Amino acid sequence: DTAVYYCGTAPWSLLLRSEVDDWGQGTQVTVS
């Protein structure tokens, strides 16, 4: 699960296709 995690917004139908209108800057998650 280690990754940089981003949130994003878009209409539902587009989001399900991973088409995002606006992104956050990301936050690091590290699992040891």
PDB file of all heavy atoms in Angstrom:
ATOM      1  N   ASP A   1       0.812  -1.207   0.000  1.00  0.00           N
ATOM      2  CA  ASP A   1       0.000   0.000   0.000  1.00  0.00           C
ATOM      3  C   ASP A   1       0.848   1.261   0.000  1.00  0.00           C
ATOM      4  O   ASP A   1       0.302   2.364  -0.127  1.00  0.00           O
ATOM      5  CB  ASP A   1      -0.929   0.026   1.211  1.00  0.00           C
ATOM      6  CG  ASP A   1      -1.978  -1.070   1.180  1.00  0.00           C
ATOM      7  OD1 ASP A   1      -2.526  -1.347   0.089  1.00  0.00           O
ATOM      8  OD2 ASP A   1      -2.255  -1.644   2.249  1.00  0.00           O
ATOM      9  N   THR A   2       2.147   1.116   0.167  1.00  0.00           N
ATOM     10  CA  THR A   2       3.043   2.261   0.163  1.00  0.00           C
ATOM     11  C   THR A   2       2.934   3.013  -1.159  1.00  0.00           C
ATOM     12  O   THR A   2       3.105   2.433  -2.229  1.00  0.00           O
ATOM     13  CB  THR A   2       4.490   1.818   0.394  1.00  0.00           C
ATOM     14  OG1 THR A   2       4.616   1.260   1.703  1.00  0.00           O
ATOM     15  CG2 THR A   2       5.446   2.995   0.267  1.00  0.00           C
ATOM     16  N   ALA A   3       2.640   4.297  -1.077  1.00  0.00           N
ATOM     17  CA  ALA A   3       2.437   5.103  -2.275  1.00  0.00           C
ATOM     18  C   ALA A   3       2.171   6.540  -1.864  1.00  0.00           C
ATOM     19  O   ALA A   3       1.962   6.841  -0.687  1.00  0.00           O
ATOM     20  CB  ALA A   3       1.255   4.579  -3.098  1.00  0.00           C
ATOM     21  N   VAL A   4       2.171   7.412  -2.849  1.00  0.00           N
ATOM     22  CA  VAL A   4       1.645   8.750  -2.666  1.00  0.00           C
ATOM     23  C   VAL A   4       0.165   8.700  -3.028  1.00  0.00           C
ATOM     24  O   VAL A   4      -0.192   8.264  -4.123  1.00  0.00           O
ATOM     25  CB  VAL A   4       2.375   9.787  -3.535  1.00  0.00           C
ATOM     26  CG1 VAL A   4       1.755  11.169  -3.349  1.00  0.00           C
ATOM     27  CG2 VAL A   4       3.856   9.822  -3.186  1.00  0.00           C
ATOM     28  N   TYR A   5      -0.670   9.129  -2.111  1.00  0.00           N
ATOM     29  CA  TYR A   5      -2.112   9.075  -2.307  1.00  0.00           C
ATOM     30  C   TYR A   5      -2.646  10.446  -2.694  1.00  0.00           C
ATOM     31  O   TYR A   5      -2.331  11.455  -2.055  1.00  0.00           O
ATOM     32  CB  TYR A   5      -2.811   8.583  -1.040  1.00  0.00           C
ATOM     33  CG  TYR A   5      -2.682   7.091  -0.847  1.00  0.00           C
ATOM     34  CD1 TYR A   5      -1.466   6.531  -0.480  1.00  0.00           C
ATOM     35  CD2 TYR A   5      -3.764   6.243  -1.048  1.00  0.00           C
ATOM     36  CE1 TYR A   5      -1.326   5.163  -0.322  1.00  0.00           C
ATOM     37  CE2 TYR A   5      -3.634   4.875  -0.892  1.00  0.00           C
ATOM     38  CZ  TYR A   5      -2.420   4.341  -0.528  1.00  0.00           C
ATOM     39  OH  TYR A   5      -2.289   2.973  -0.370  1.00  0.00           O
ATOM     40  N   TYR A   6      -3.457  10.472  -3.734  1.00  0.00           N
ATOM     41  CA  TYR A   6      -4.044  11.696  -4.250  1.00  0.00           C
ATOM     42  C   TYR A   6      -5.560  11.610  -4.208  1.00  0.00           C
ATOM     43  O   TYR A   6      -6.138  10.564  -4.510  1.00  0.00           O
ATOM     44  CB  TYR A   6      -3.631  11.936  -5.705  1.00  0.00           C
ATOM     45  CG  TYR A   6      -2.157  12.105  -5.941  1.00  0.00           C
ATOM     46  CD1 TYR A   6      -1.332  10.997  -6.134  1.00  0.00           C
ATOM     47  CD2 TYR A   6      -1.583  13.365  -5.993  1.00  0.00           C
ATOM     48  CE1 TYR A   6       0.024  11.145  -6.360  1.00  0.00           C
ATOM     49  CE2 TYR A   6      -0.228  13.525  -6.225  1.00  0.00           C
ATOM     50  CZ  TYR A   6       0.569  12.405  -6.411  1.00  0.00           C
ATOM     51  OH  TYR A   6       1.914  12.560  -6.645  1.00  0.00           O
ATOM     52  N   CYS A   7      -6.208  12.704  -3.867  1.00  0.00           N
ATOM     53  CA  CYS A   7      -7.649  12.785  -4.044  1.00  0.00           C
ATOM     54  C   CYS A   7      -7.944  13.601  -5.291  1.00  0.00           C
ATOM     55  O   CYS A   7      -7.140  14.426  -5.723  1.00  0.00           O
ATOM     56  CB  CYS A   7      -8.343  13.386  -2.823  1.00  0.00           C
ATOM     57  SG  CYS A   7      -7.909  15.090  -2.435  1.00  0.00           S
ATOM     58  N   GLY A   8      -9.096  13.347  -5.864  1.00  0.00           N
ATOM     59  CA  GLY A   8      -9.498  14.050  -7.063  1.00  0.00           C
ATOM     60  C   GLY A   8     -11.007  14.128  -7.172  1.00  0.00           C
ATOM     61  O   GLY A   8     -11.724  13.333  -6.555  1.00  0.00           O
ATOM     62  N   THR A   9     -11.496  15.069  -7.945  1.00  0.00           N
ATOM     63  CA  THR A   9     -12.926  15.244  -8.147  1.00  0.00           C
ATOM     64  C   THR A   9     -13.262  15.249  -9.632  1.00  0.00           C
ATOM     65  O   THR A   9     -12.450  15.662 -10.468  1.00  0.00           O
ATOM     66  CB  THR A   9     -13.436  16.546  -7.505  1.00  0.00           C
ATOM     67  OG1 THR A   9     -12.701  17.657  -8.040  1.00  0.00           O
ATOM     68  CG2 THR A   9     -13.253  16.512  -6.000  1.00  0.00           C
ATOM     69  N   ALA A  10     -14.462  14.809  -9.943  1.00  0.00           N
ATOM     70  CA  ALA A  10     -14.972  14.746 -11.301  1.00  0.00           C
ATOM     71  C   ALA A  10     -16.412  14.255 -11.245  1.00  0.00           C
ATOM     72  O   ALA A  10     -16.849  13.732 -10.214  1.00  0.00           O
ATOM     73  CB  ALA A  10     -14.132  13.800 -12.162  1.00  0.00           C
ATOM     74  N   PRO A  11     -17.168  14.390 -12.330  1.00  0.00           N
ATOM     75  CA  PRO A  11     -18.466  13.721 -12.373  1.00  0.00           C
ATOM     76  C   PRO A  11     -18.295  12.221 -12.169  1.00  0.00           C
ATOM     77  O   PRO A  11     -17.293  11.635 -12.569  1.00  0.00           O
ATOM     78  CB  PRO A  11     -18.977  14.039 -13.786  1.00  0.00           C
ATOM     79  CG  PRO A  11     -18.296  15.321 -14.144  1.00  0.00           C
ATOM     80  CD  PRO A  11     -16.934  15.223 -13.526  1.00  0.00           C
ATOM     81  N   TRP A  12     -19.278  11.593 -11.549  1.00  0.00           N
ATOM     82  CA  TRP A  12     -19.202  10.189 -11.180  1.00  0.00           C
ATOM     83  C   TRP A  12     -18.824   9.282 -12.342  1.00  0.00           C
ATOM     84  O   TRP A  12     -17.939   8.434 -12.227  1.00  0.00           O
ATOM     85  CB  TRP A  12     -20.530   9.755 -10.569  1.00  0.00           C
ATOM     86  CG  TRP A  12     -20.657   8.307 -10.195  1.00  0.00           C
ATOM     87  CD1 TRP A  12     -21.517   7.400 -10.733  1.00  0.00           C
ATOM     88  CD2 TRP A  12     -19.918   7.613  -9.185  1.00  0.00           C
ATOM     89  NE1 TRP A  12     -21.362   6.181 -10.125  1.00  0.00           N
ATOM     90  CE2 TRP A  12     -20.392   6.284  -9.169  1.00  0.00           C
ATOM     91  CE3 TRP A  12     -18.923   7.986  -8.291  1.00  0.00           C
ATOM     92  CZ2 TRP A  12     -19.890   5.320  -8.295  1.00  0.00           C
ATOM     93  CZ3 TRP A  12     -18.415   7.025  -7.429  1.00  0.00           C
ATOM     94  CH2 TRP A  12     -18.900   5.725  -7.436  1.00  0.00           C
ATOM     95  N   SER A  13     -19.506   9.456 -13.470  1.00  0.00           N
ATOM     96  CA  SER A  13     -19.269   8.582 -14.609  1.00  0.00           C
ATOM     97  C   SER A  13     -17.837   8.686 -15.114  1.00  0.00           C
ATOM     98  O   SER A  13     -17.259   7.699 -15.569  1.00  0.00           O
ATOM     99  CB  SER A  13     -20.248   8.897 -15.742  1.00  0.00           C
ATOM    100  OG  SER A  13     -20.097  10.235 -16.193  1.00  0.00           O
ATOM    101  N   LEU A  14     -17.260   9.867 -15.042  1.00  0.00           N
ATOM    102  CA  LEU A  14     -15.885  10.052 -15.483  1.00  0.00           C
ATOM    103  C   LEU A  14     -14.894   9.532 -14.450  1.00  0.00           C
ATOM    104  O   LEU A  14     -13.868   8.952 -14.804  1.00  0.00           O
ATOM    105  CB  LEU A  14     -15.609  11.527 -15.773  1.00  0.00           C
ATOM    106  CG  LEU A  14     -16.428  12.145 -16.903  1.00  0.00           C
ATOM    107  CD1 LEU A  14     -16.035  13.604 -17.096  1.00  0.00           C
ATOM    108  CD2 LEU A  14     -16.231  11.372 -18.200  1.00  0.00           C
ATOM    109  N   LEU A  15     -15.208   9.744 -13.179  1.00  0.00           N
ATOM    110  CA  LEU A  15     -14.314   9.291 -12.131  1.00  0.00           C
ATOM    111  C   LEU A  15     -14.151   7.772 -12.159  1.00  0.00           C
ATOM    112  O   LEU A  15     -13.067   7.255 -11.870  1.00  0.00           O
ATOM    113  CB  LEU A  15     -14.826   9.746 -10.766  1.00  0.00           C
ATOM    114  CG  LEU A  15     -13.872   9.598  -9.587  1.00  0.00           C
ATOM    115  CD1 LEU A  15     -12.602  10.400  -9.821  1.00  0.00           C
ATOM    116  CD2 LEU A  15     -14.557  10.054  -8.309  1.00  0.00           C
ATOM    117  N   LEU A  16     -15.209   7.065 -12.502  1.00  0.00           N
ATOM    118  CA  LEU A  16     -15.130   5.615 -12.600  1.00  0.00           C
ATOM    119  C   LEU A  16     -14.189   5.168 -13.712  1.00  0.00           C
ATOM    120  O   LEU A  16     -13.730   4.027 -13.706  1.00  0.00           O
ATOM    121  CB  LEU A  16     -16.515   5.013 -12.828  1.00  0.00           C
ATOM    122  CG  LEU A  16     -17.502   5.143 -11.662  1.00  0.00           C
ATOM    123  CD1 LEU A  16     -18.830   4.508 -12.033  1.00  0.00           C
ATOM    124  CD2 LEU A  16     -16.935   4.511 -10.405  1.00  0.00           C
ATOM    125  N   ARG A  17     -13.913   6.041 -14.643  1.00  0.00           N
ATOM    126  CA  ARG A  17     -12.955   5.780 -15.710  1.00  0.00           C
ATOM    127  C   ARG A  17     -11.603   6.421 -15.394  1.00  0.00           C
ATOM    128  O   ARG A  17     -10.755   6.540 -16.283  1.00  0.00           O
ATOM    129  CB  ARG A  17     -13.467   6.299 -17.053  1.00  0.00           C
ATOM    130  CG  ARG A  17     -14.837   5.776 -17.445  1.00  0.00           C
ATOM    131  CD  ARG A  17     -15.037   5.783 -18.955  1.00  0.00           C
ATOM    132  NE  ARG A  17     -14.707   7.058 -19.569  1.00  0.00           N
ATOM    133  CZ  ARG A  17     -15.582   7.983 -19.919  1.00  0.00           C
ATOM    134  NH1 ARG A  17     -16.876   7.754 -19.714  1.00  0.00           N
ATOM    135  NH2 ARG A  17     -15.183   9.106 -20.482  1.00  0.00           N
ATOM    136  N   SER A  18     -11.414   6.851 -14.153  1.00  0.00           N
ATOM    137  CA  SER A  18     -10.175   7.485 -13.693  1.00  0.00           C
ATOM    138  C   SER A  18      -9.888   8.790 -14.416  1.00  0.00           C
ATOM    139  O   SER A  18      -8.731   9.159 -14.612  1.00  0.00           O
ATOM    140  CB  SER A  18      -8.982   6.522 -13.830  1.00  0.00           C
ATOM    141  OG  SER A  18      -9.158   5.393 -12.997  1.00  0.00           O
ATOM    142  N   GLU A  19     -10.935   9.477 -14.817  1.00  0.00           N
ATOM    143  CA  GLU A  19     -10.790  10.790 -15.437  1.00  0.00           C
ATOM    144  C   GLU A  19     -11.106  11.841 -14.387  1.00  0.00           C
ATOM    145  O   GLU A  19     -12.245  11.973 -13.947  1.00  0.00           O
ATOM    146  CB  GLU A  19     -11.709  10.913 -16.650  1.00  0.00           C
ATOM    147  CG  GLU A  19     -11.367   9.931 -17.762  1.00  0.00           C
ATOM    148  CD  GLU A  19     -12.252  10.073 -18.976  1.00  0.00           C
ATOM    149  OE1 GLU A  19     -13.035  11.045 -19.046  1.00  0.00           O
ATOM    150  OE2 GLU A  19     -12.169   9.212 -19.872  1.00  0.00           O
ATOM    151  N   VAL A  20     -10.096  12.579 -13.983  1.00  0.00           N
ATOM    152  CA  VAL A  20     -10.180  13.502 -12.862  1.00  0.00           C
ATOM    153  C   VAL A  20     -10.019  14.938 -13.342  1.00  0.00           C
ATOM    154  O   VAL A  20      -9.118  15.234 -14.128  1.00  0.00           O
ATOM    155  CB  VAL A  20      -9.105  13.164 -11.808  1.00  0.00           C
ATOM    156  CG1 VAL A  20      -9.121  14.183 -10.677  1.00  0.00           C
ATOM    157  CG2 VAL A  20      -9.322  11.757 -11.273  1.00  0.00           C
ATOM    158  N   ASP A  21     -10.878  15.815 -12.849  1.00  0.00           N
ATOM    159  CA  ASP A  21     -10.817  17.223 -13.222  1.00  0.00           C
ATOM    160  C   ASP A  21      -9.820  18.002 -12.375  1.00  0.00           C
ATOM    161  O   ASP A  21      -9.083  18.847 -12.883  1.00  0.00           O
ATOM    162  CB  ASP A  21     -12.196  17.870 -13.096  1.00  0.00           C
ATOM    163  CG  ASP A  21     -13.176  17.365 -14.128  1.00  0.00           C
ATOM    164  OD1 ASP A  21     -12.743  17.027 -15.248  1.00  0.00           O
ATOM    165  OD2 ASP A  21     -14.386  17.323 -13.825  1.00  0.00           O
ATOM    166  N   ASP A  22      -9.811  17.742 -11.080  1.00  0.00           N
ATOM    167  CA  ASP A  22      -8.952  18.475 -10.155  1.00  0.00           C
ATOM    168  C   ASP A  22      -8.282  17.508  -9.195  1.00  0.00           C
ATOM    169  O   ASP A  22      -8.928  16.624  -8.642  1.00  0.00           O
ATOM    170  CB  ASP A  22      -9.759  19.509  -9.365  1.00  0.00           C
ATOM    171  CG  ASP A  22     -10.373  20.565 -10.259  1.00  0.00           C
ATOM    172  OD1 ASP A  22      -9.629  21.465 -10.702  1.00  0.00           O
ATOM    173  OD2 ASP A  22     -11.587  20.493 -10.522  1.00  0.00           O
ATOM    174  N   TRP A  23      -6.985  17.699  -9.004  1.00  0.00           N
ATOM    175  CA  TRP A  23      -6.179  16.852  -8.133  1.00  0.00           C
ATOM    176  C   TRP A  23      -5.674  17.612  -6.920  1.00  0.00           C
ATOM    177  O   TRP A  23      -5.406  18.812  -6.988  1.00  0.00           O
ATOM    178  CB  TRP A  23      -4.946  16.323  -8.866  1.00  0.00           C
ATOM    179  CG  TRP A  23      -5.194  15.328  -9.947  1.00  0.00           C
ATOM    180  CD1 TRP A  23      -5.200  15.558 -11.291  1.00  0.00           C
ATOM    181  CD2 TRP A  23      -5.438  13.932  -9.783  1.00  0.00           C
ATOM    182  NE1 TRP A  23      -5.436  14.391 -11.976  1.00  0.00           N
ATOM    183  CE2 TRP A  23      -5.577  13.383 -11.075  1.00  0.00           C
ATOM    184  CE3 TRP A  23      -5.541  13.094  -8.671  1.00  0.00           C
ATOM    185  CZ2 TRP A  23      -5.823  12.027 -11.280  1.00  0.00           C
ATOM    186  CZ3 TRP A  23      -5.789  11.749  -8.879  1.00  0.00           C
ATOM    187  CH2 TRP A  23      -5.927  11.222 -10.164  1.00  0.00           C
ATOM    188  N   GLY A  24      -5.506  16.894  -5.816  1.00  0.00           N
ATOM    189  CA  GLY A  24      -4.776  17.421  -4.687  1.00  0.00           C
ATOM    190  C   GLY A  24      -3.286  17.245  -4.912  1.00  0.00           C
ATOM    191  O   GLY A  24      -2.840  16.702  -5.932  1.00  0.00           O
ATOM    192  N   GLN A  25      -2.479  17.683  -3.957  1.00  0.00           N
ATOM    193  CA  GLN A  25      -1.029  17.638  -4.102  1.00  0.00           C
ATOM    194  C   GLN A  25      -0.429  16.292  -3.728  1.00  0.00           C
ATOM    195  O   GLN A  25       0.730  16.019  -4.055  1.00  0.00           O
ATOM    196  CB  GLN A  25      -0.381  18.739  -3.242  1.00  0.00           C
ATOM    197  CG  GLN A  25      -0.149  18.382  -1.775  1.00  0.00           C
ATOM    198  CD  GLN A  25      -1.430  18.276  -0.969  1.00  0.00           C
ATOM    199  OE1 GLN A  25      -2.488  18.728  -1.386  1.00  0.00           O
ATOM    200  NE2 GLN A  25      -1.322  17.684   0.226  1.00  0.00           N
ATOM    201  N   GLY A  26      -1.190  15.457  -3.067  1.00  0.00           N
ATOM    202  CA  GLY A  26      -0.726  14.143  -2.675  1.00  0.00           C
ATOM    203  C   GLY A  26      -0.193  14.106  -1.256  1.00  0.00           C
ATOM    204  O   GLY A  26       0.304  15.102  -0.732  1.00  0.00           O
ATOM    205  N   THR A  27      -0.304  12.940  -0.634  1.00  0.00           N
ATOM    206  CA  THR A  27       0.241  12.732   0.699  1.00  0.00           C
ATOM    207  C   THR A  27       0.885  11.350   0.751  1.00  0.00           C
ATOM    208  O   THR A  27       0.331  10.372   0.251  1.00  0.00           O
ATOM    209  CB  THR A  27      -0.845  12.887   1.788  1.00  0.00           C
ATOM    210  OG1 THR A  27      -0.252  12.801   3.084  1.00  0.00           O
ATOM    211  CG2 THR A  27      -1.930  11.830   1.662  1.00  0.00           C
ATOM    212  N   GLN A  28       2.066  11.268   1.345  1.00  0.00           N
ATOM    213  CA  GLN A  28       2.842  10.035   1.352  1.00  0.00           C
ATOM    214  C   GLN A  28       2.344   9.078   2.423  1.00  0.00           C
ATOM    215  O   GLN A  28       2.151   9.466   3.578  1.00  0.00           O
ATOM    216  CB  GLN A  28       4.324  10.341   1.594  1.00  0.00           C
ATOM    217  CG  GLN A  28       5.220   9.101   1.701  1.00  0.00           C
ATOM    218  CD  GLN A  28       5.383   8.390   0.384  1.00  0.00           C
ATOM    219  OE1 GLN A  28       5.680   9.017  -0.635  1.00  0.00           O
ATOM    220  NE2 GLN A  28       5.201   7.073   0.389  1.00  0.00           N
ATOM    221  N   VAL A  29       2.165   7.825   2.031  1.00  0.00           N
ATOM    222  CA  VAL A  29       1.854   6.745   2.955  1.00  0.00           C
ATOM    223  C   VAL A  29       2.939   5.688   2.819  1.00  0.00           C
ATOM    224  O   VAL A  29       3.183   5.186   1.722  1.00  0.00           O
ATOM    225  CB  VAL A  29       0.474   6.125   2.671  1.00  0.00           C
ATOM    226  CG1 VAL A  29       0.267   4.866   3.509  1.00  0.00           C
ATOM    227  CG2 VAL A  29      -0.626   7.135   2.946  1.00  0.00           C
ATOM    228  N   THR A  30       3.582   5.360   3.923  1.00  0.00           N
ATOM    229  CA  THR A  30       4.639   4.364   3.923  1.00  0.00           C
ATOM    230  C   THR A  30       4.300   3.275   4.930  1.00  0.00           C
ATOM    231  O   THR A  30       4.062   3.566   6.104  1.00  0.00           O
ATOM    232  CB  THR A  30       5.997   4.989   4.275  1.00  0.00           C
ATOM    233  OG1 THR A  30       6.314   6.026   3.339  1.00  0.00           O
ATOM    234  CG2 THR A  30       7.105   3.941   4.233  1.00  0.00           C
ATOM    235  N   VAL A  31       4.279   2.034   4.471  1.00  0.00           N
ATOM    236  CA  VAL A  31       3.945   0.894   5.321  1.00  0.00           C
ATOM    237  C   VAL A  31       5.150  -0.030   5.363  1.00  0.00           C
ATOM    238  O   VAL A  31       5.575  -0.552   4.332  1.00  0.00           O
ATOM    239  CB  VAL A  31       2.717   0.137   4.803  1.00  0.00           C
ATOM    240  CG1 VAL A  31       2.337  -0.973   5.782  1.00  0.00           C
ATOM    241  CG2 VAL A  31       1.549   1.089   4.597  1.00  0.00           C
ATOM    242  N   SER A  32       5.691  -0.239   6.546  1.00  0.00           N
ATOM    243  CA  SER A  32       6.868  -1.080   6.710  1.00  0.00           C
ATOM    244  C   SER A  32       6.471  -2.492   7.117  1.00  0.00           C
ATOM    245  O   SER A  32       5.418  -2.713   7.722  1.00  0.00           O
ATOM    246  CB  SER A  32       7.815  -0.483   7.750  1.00  0.00           C
ATOM    247  OG  SER A  32       7.169  -0.361   9.011  1.00  0.00           O
TER     248      SER A  32
END
